[in-house]
Amino acid sequence: MNQVFDFKRFTLLVAKHWNENRKKYLLGLVAMAGLLFFWYGFMLIVDGGQRIFENMQVMTYFFGLALTGCFYGSILFAELSSGPKAMNYLIFPASHLEKLVCGLLYGVVLFFIAYTLVFYIVDIPMVMLGNSLHKSNYPGEVVSKPAEIVNIFWKPLTEGRPGPNPNPHVLFILMYFAVQSAYILGSVYFPKFSFIKTTISLLLVALLLSLYMGKILQPMLPDGGHYQSFTSFRVFENNDFNHQKIVSLPEWTTDTIAFLLKFAFAPIFWVVTYFRFKEKEV
């Protein structure tokens, strides 16, 4: 039997995890649905029966996803925080990789799918309710247009504007996976108060990056210039906006950095989590 990853042993671990945690997961889904119903109901009451437009649906989806997903990621390996639970968890006959993949399966993949399903189960009837309330409260409004159900994975917020219209929803989802992976690493790295300590660590990293760019990198650049992207800099001659020069790295460098910023952070944090997980001892 493979000591690193055995599929049969992994399926047994997945089934064991579900049997031990299904009540907690189901109650969590009910709680998320209740919070979404409460939020939408609060908006309908406060706005006097106004429609729930697409932008509000997008903000609700991503705010709830970030808050609940990161919190759940911070308690994904909560068994490691206490002595007896950590001992039982670590001596269970499964490899570290299988335990990590099992955690990622429930905490990343299945959680994302379940949250999205719960969101639409609540979003669709509440948007329809908002449309009906608006129609009954403003019967003479001829130009009234009912709110549509937002497509989280496709419809861009920049639709209708001139020029290229990238889909920021995909970028938000990738950012979420990157941040959540940091909280998953924190659940292994910090035995106690993982969510709070990981949040403080991320804020400190963001502060250091801001100080580096504002106090070290910016003074090194020529006067009268502005960032255009991560790898290009725009310089105005004598502050004349009609005369400018663009200094940039090769295009393949821009594409490589953009790819790494989009897709590399989450796998890197998962790999670091694996090695940190292997260091845990009974």
Protein backbone atom coordinates (compact mmCIF):
# COMPACT_ATOMS: atom_id res chain seq x y z
CA MET A 1 0.00 0.00 0.00
CA ASN A 2 1.28 3.45 -0.93
CA GLN A 3 2.37 5.33 2.19
CA VAL A 4 2.03 8.77 0.57
CA PHE A 5 -1.40 8.56 -1.05
CA ASP A 6 -3.70 5.57 -1.39
CA PHE A 7 -7.07 6.23 -3.03
CA LYS A 8 -8.99 3.58 -1.09
CA ARG A 9 -7.60 4.81 2.21
CA PHE A 10 -8.38 8.37 1.15
CA THR A 11 -12.04 7.54 0.39
CA LEU A 12 -12.38 5.95 3.82
CA LEU A 13 -10.92 9.11 5.37
CA VAL A 14 -13.38 11.28 3.41
CA ALA A 15 -16.30 9.12 4.57
CA LYS A 16 -15.08 9.23 8.18
CA HIS A 17 -14.76 13.01 8.04
CA TRP A 18 -18.30 13.35 6.72
CA ASN A 19 -19.77 11.03 9.36
CA GLU A 20 -18.10 13.01 12.13
CA ASN A 21 -18.89 16.48 10.82
CA ARG A 22 -22.07 16.25 8.73
CA LYS A 23 -24.30 17.78 11.43
CA LYS A 24 -21.94 20.71 11.81
CA TYR A 25 -21.77 21.25 8.05
CA LEU A 26 -25.55 21.01 7.55
CA LEU A 27 -26.21 23.42 10.41
CA GLY A 28 -23.63 25.76 8.91
CA LEU A 29 -25.44 25.73 5.56
CA VAL A 30 -28.75 26.47 7.30
CA ALA A 31 -27.10 29.32 9.21
CA MET A 32 -25.67 30.81 5.99
CA ALA A 33 -29.08 30.60 4.32
CA GLY A 34 -30.69 32.27 7.33
CA LEU A 35 -28.18 35.11 7.31
CA LEU A 36 -28.74 35.68 3.57
CA PHE A 37 -32.53 35.70 4.06
CA PHE A 38 -32.14 38.16 6.93
CA TRP A 39 -29.88 40.45 4.90
CA TYR A 40 -32.13 40.49 1.84
CA GLY A 41 -35.21 40.97 4.00
CA PHE A 42 -33.53 43.84 5.81
CA MET A 43 -32.71 45.54 2.49
CA LEU A 44 -36.28 45.12 1.21
CA ILE A 45 -37.72 46.62 4.38
CA VAL A 46 -35.28 49.52 4.61
CA ASP A 47 -35.49 50.39 0.90
CA GLY A 48 -39.24 50.30 0.89
CA GLY A 49 -39.68 47.48 -1.61
CA GLN A 50 -36.93 48.47 -4.01
CA ARG A 51 -35.45 45.89 -6.34
CA ILE A 52 -32.31 43.92 -5.49
CA PHE A 53 -30.09 44.86 -8.40
CA GLU A 54 -27.14 42.92 -9.75
CA ASN A 55 -24.41 44.95 -8.06
CA MET A 56 -25.98 44.40 -4.64
CA GLN A 57 -26.23 40.66 -5.33
CA VAL A 58 -22.54 40.59 -6.31
CA MET A 59 -21.48 42.42 -3.15
CA THR A 60 -23.61 40.12 -1.01
CA TYR A 61 -22.17 37.00 -2.63
CA PHE A 62 -18.51 37.95 -2.35
CA PHE A 63 -18.74 39.50 1.11
CA GLY A 64 -20.45 36.40 2.47
CA LEU A 65 -18.04 34.10 0.62
CA ALA A 66 -14.98 35.91 1.96
CA LEU A 67 -16.25 36.10 5.54
CA THR A 68 -17.56 32.55 5.90
CA GLY A 69 -14.91 30.93 3.69
CA CYS A 70 -11.97 32.49 5.50
CA PHE A 71 -13.46 31.75 8.90
CA TYR A 72 -14.11 28.14 7.95
CA GLY A 73 -10.58 27.86 6.53
CA SER A 74 -9.17 29.07 9.86
CA ILE A 75 -10.88 26.20 11.73
CA LEU A 76 -10.33 23.55 9.08
CA PHE A 77 -7.66 21.82 11.16
CA ALA A 78 -9.00 22.82 14.56
CA GLU A 79 -8.19 19.33 15.88
CA LEU A 80 -4.53 20.34 16.03
CA SER A 81 -5.25 23.04 18.62
CA SER A 82 -5.90 20.69 21.54
CA GLY A 83 -3.75 17.88 22.92
CA PRO A 84 -6.07 14.83 22.95
CA LYS A 85 -7.79 15.73 19.65
CA ALA A 86 -4.46 16.45 18.00
CA MET A 87 -3.10 13.10 19.16
CA ASN A 88 -6.09 11.17 17.81
CA TYR A 89 -5.98 13.10 14.55
CA LEU A 90 -2.26 12.66 13.95
CA ILE A 91 -2.10 8.95 14.81
CA PHE A 92 -5.06 8.10 12.58
CA PRO A 93 -3.79 5.65 9.89
CA ALA A 94 -3.70 8.04 6.93
CA SER A 95 -0.83 9.99 5.41
CA HIS A 96 -0.34 13.71 5.88
CA LEU A 97 -1.10 14.29 2.21
CA GLU A 98 -4.38 12.40 2.44
CA LYS A 99 -5.44 14.40 5.50
CA LEU A 100 -4.53 17.67 3.80
CA VAL A 101 -6.33 16.78 0.56
CA CYS A 102 -9.38 15.69 2.55
CA GLY A 103 -9.41 19.02 4.36
CA LEU A 104 -9.03 20.95 1.09
CA LEU A 105 -11.80 18.89 -0.49
CA TYR A 106 -14.27 19.88 2.22
CA GLY A 107 -12.92 23.32 3.04
CA VAL A 108 -12.21 24.62 -0.46
CA VAL A 109 -14.05 22.68 -3.17
CA LEU A 110 -17.22 21.47 -1.48
CA PHE A 111 -17.59 24.60 0.63
CA PHE A 112 -17.40 26.82 -2.46
CA ILE A 113 -19.99 24.70 -4.29
CA ALA A 114 -22.30 24.51 -1.27
CA TYR A 115 -22.09 28.25 -0.57
CA THR A 116 -22.86 29.09 -4.19
CA LEU A 117 -25.88 26.76 -4.20
CA VAL A 118 -27.18 28.22 -0.92
CA PHE A 119 -26.68 31.74 -2.27
CA TYR A 120 -28.78 31.07 -5.37
CA ILE A 121 -31.43 29.17 -3.38
CA VAL A 122 -31.90 32.36 -1.35
CA ASP A 123 -31.09 34.92 -4.05
CA ILE A 124 -33.58 33.80 -6.71
CA PRO A 125 -36.78 33.97 -4.60
CA MET A 126 -35.68 37.15 -2.83
CA VAL A 127 -34.94 38.95 -6.11
CA MET A 128 -38.34 37.83 -7.44
CA LEU A 129 -39.96 39.04 -4.21
CA GLY A 130 -38.23 42.40 -4.57
CA ASN A 131 -39.48 42.74 -8.14
CA SER A 132 -43.07 41.95 -7.12
CA LEU A 133 -42.97 44.37 -4.17
CA HIS A 134 -41.58 47.12 -6.38
CA LYS A 135 -44.26 46.50 -8.99
CA SER A 136 -47.04 46.67 -6.40
CA ASN A 137 -45.61 49.79 -4.71
CA TYR A 138 -44.98 51.68 -7.97
CA PRO A 139 -47.72 50.52 -10.35
CA GLY A 140 -47.52 53.57 -12.59
CA GLU A 141 -43.77 53.38 -13.28
CA VAL A 142 -43.74 52.53 -16.97
CA VAL A 143 -39.95 52.35 -17.35
CA SER A 144 -39.60 49.96 -14.44
CA LYS A 145 -37.22 47.13 -15.24
CA PRO A 146 -37.15 44.09 -12.99
CA ALA A 147 -33.85 43.13 -11.41
CA GLU A 148 -32.15 40.12 -12.96
CA ILE A 149 -30.46 37.19 -11.28
CA VAL A 150 -26.75 37.90 -11.36
CA ASN A 151 -24.36 35.44 -12.97
CA ILE A 152 -21.44 35.31 -10.58
CA PHE A 153 -19.17 33.49 -13.02
CA TRP A 154 -19.81 35.44 -16.18
CA LYS A 155 -21.42 38.88 -16.22
CA PRO A 156 -18.73 41.59 -15.90
CA LEU A 157 -19.36 44.72 -13.87
CA THR A 158 -17.82 46.79 -16.70
CA GLU A 159 -20.33 45.62 -19.28
CA GLY A 160 -21.36 48.40 -21.64
CA ARG A 161 -18.23 50.51 -21.17
CA PRO A 162 -15.92 51.24 -24.11
CA GLY A 163 -12.78 49.18 -24.55
CA PRO A 164 -12.03 45.69 -23.26
CA ASN A 165 -14.37 44.43 -20.54
CA PRO A 166 -12.58 41.90 -18.35
CA ASN A 167 -14.63 39.83 -15.98
CA PRO A 168 -13.72 40.96 -12.44
CA HIS A 169 -15.84 38.21 -10.89
CA VAL A 170 -13.21 35.63 -11.81
CA LEU A 171 -10.48 37.83 -10.30
CA PHE A 172 -12.50 38.17 -7.09
CA ILE A 173 -12.88 34.38 -6.88
CA LEU A 174 -9.15 33.84 -7.43
CA MET A 175 -8.37 36.44 -4.78
CA TYR A 176 -10.73 34.66 -2.41
CA PHE A 177 -9.00 31.30 -2.92
CA ALA A 178 -5.61 32.94 -2.31
CA VAL A 179 -6.72 34.63 0.92
CA GLN A 180 -8.57 31.54 2.13
CA SER A 181 -5.45 29.43 1.55
CA ALA A 182 -3.58 31.78 3.88
CA TYR A 183 -6.20 31.17 6.57
CA ILE A 184 -5.90 27.41 6.01
CA LEU A 185 -2.16 27.72 6.56
CA GLY A 186 -2.91 29.72 9.69
CA SER A 187 -5.13 26.94 11.01
CA VAL A 188 -2.08 24.66 11.01
CA TYR A 189 0.52 27.25 12.00
CA PHE A 190 -1.37 28.90 14.89
CA PRO A 191 -2.74 26.42 17.44
CA LYS A 192 -4.95 29.01 19.20
CA PHE A 193 -7.03 31.93 17.88
CA SER A 194 -6.11 31.09 14.31
CA PHE A 195 -8.58 33.46 12.62
CA ILE A 196 -7.48 36.50 14.63
CA LYS A 197 -3.75 35.78 14.32
CA THR A 198 -3.96 35.11 10.58
CA THR A 199 -5.94 38.33 10.04
CA ILE A 200 -3.34 40.33 11.95
CA SER A 201 -0.51 38.67 9.98
CA LEU A 202 -2.15 39.49 6.63
CA LEU A 203 -2.74 43.09 7.69
CA LEU A 204 0.90 43.42 8.71
CA VAL A 205 2.04 42.02 5.35
CA ALA A 206 -0.23 44.47 3.52
CA LEU A 207 1.14 47.33 5.63
CA LEU A 208 4.75 46.36 4.90
CA LEU A 209 4.04 46.16 1.16
CA SER A 210 2.39 49.59 1.24
CA LEU A 211 5.33 51.08 3.11
CA TYR A 212 7.79 49.48 0.67
CA MET A 213 5.98 50.84 -2.39
CA GLY A 214 5.30 54.27 -0.90
CA LYS A 215 8.51 54.95 1.02
CA ILE A 216 11.18 52.95 -0.84
CA LEU A 217 10.08 52.18 -4.38
CA GLN A 218 8.22 55.39 -5.22
CA PRO A 219 11.14 57.78 -4.34
CA MET A 220 13.40 55.75 -6.67
CA LEU A 221 11.19 56.46 -9.69
CA PRO A 222 11.48 59.64 -11.79
CA ASP A 223 9.33 62.67 -11.06
CA GLY A 224 6.14 63.20 -12.98
CA GLY A 225 5.48 59.51 -13.47
CA HIS A 226 2.65 57.15 -12.67
CA TYR A 227 2.23 53.39 -12.51
CA GLN A 228 0.46 51.91 -15.51
CA SER A 229 0.75 48.25 -14.50
CA PHE A 230 3.02 46.02 -12.44
CA THR A 231 5.71 46.13 -15.11
CA SER A 232 5.23 49.50 -16.80
CA PHE A 233 5.68 53.12 -15.78
CA ARG A 234 4.33 56.21 -17.53
CA VAL A 235 6.38 59.43 -17.41
CA PHE A 236 4.98 62.84 -18.41
CA GLU A 237 7.45 65.39 -19.78
CA ASN A 238 7.18 68.67 -17.87
CA ASN A 239 3.83 67.51 -16.48
CA ASP A 240 2.40 67.71 -20.00
CA PHE A 241 -0.19 64.97 -20.46
CA ASN A 242 0.15 65.19 -24.24
CA HIS A 243 3.81 64.20 -24.12
CA GLN A 244 4.49 61.01 -22.30
CA LYS A 245 6.83 58.06 -22.36
CA ILE A 246 6.13 54.51 -21.26
CA VAL A 247 8.91 52.41 -19.76
CA SER A 248 8.02 48.75 -19.44
CA LEU A 249 9.48 45.28 -19.19
CA PRO A 250 8.96 42.75 -22.01
CA GLU A 251 5.38 41.58 -22.54
CA TRP A 252 6.18 38.00 -21.53
CA THR A 253 7.30 39.31 -18.14
CA THR A 254 3.97 41.05 -17.66
CA ASP A 255 2.07 37.92 -18.65
CA THR A 256 4.16 35.75 -16.33
CA ILE A 257 3.71 38.03 -13.33
CA ALA A 258 -0.02 38.36 -14.01
CA PHE A 259 -0.33 34.56 -14.21
CA LEU A 260 1.54 34.08 -10.94
CA LEU A 261 -0.53 36.74 -9.15
CA LYS A 262 -3.75 35.09 -10.32
CA PHE A 263 -3.02 31.40 -9.89
CA ALA A 264 0.14 30.79 -7.84
CA PHE A 265 -0.70 32.05 -4.35
CA ALA A 266 -3.24 29.39 -3.38
CA PRO A 267 -1.11 26.37 -4.50
CA ILE A 268 1.95 27.87 -2.80
CA PHE A 269 0.09 28.25 0.50
CA TRP A 270 -1.26 24.69 0.18
CA VAL A 271 2.26 23.32 -0.33
CA VAL A 272 3.56 25.28 2.66
CA THR A 273 0.60 23.98 4.68
CA TYR A 274 1.56 20.42 3.75
CA PHE A 275 5.15 20.79 4.96
CA ARG A 276 4.01 22.59 8.10
CA PHE A 277 1.49 19.81 8.64
CA LYS A 278 4.25 17.18 8.38
CA GLU A 279 6.16 18.92 11.16
CA LYS A 280 3.32 18.36 13.61
CA GLU A 281 4.13 15.65 16.13
CA VAL A 282 2.09 13.83 18.73
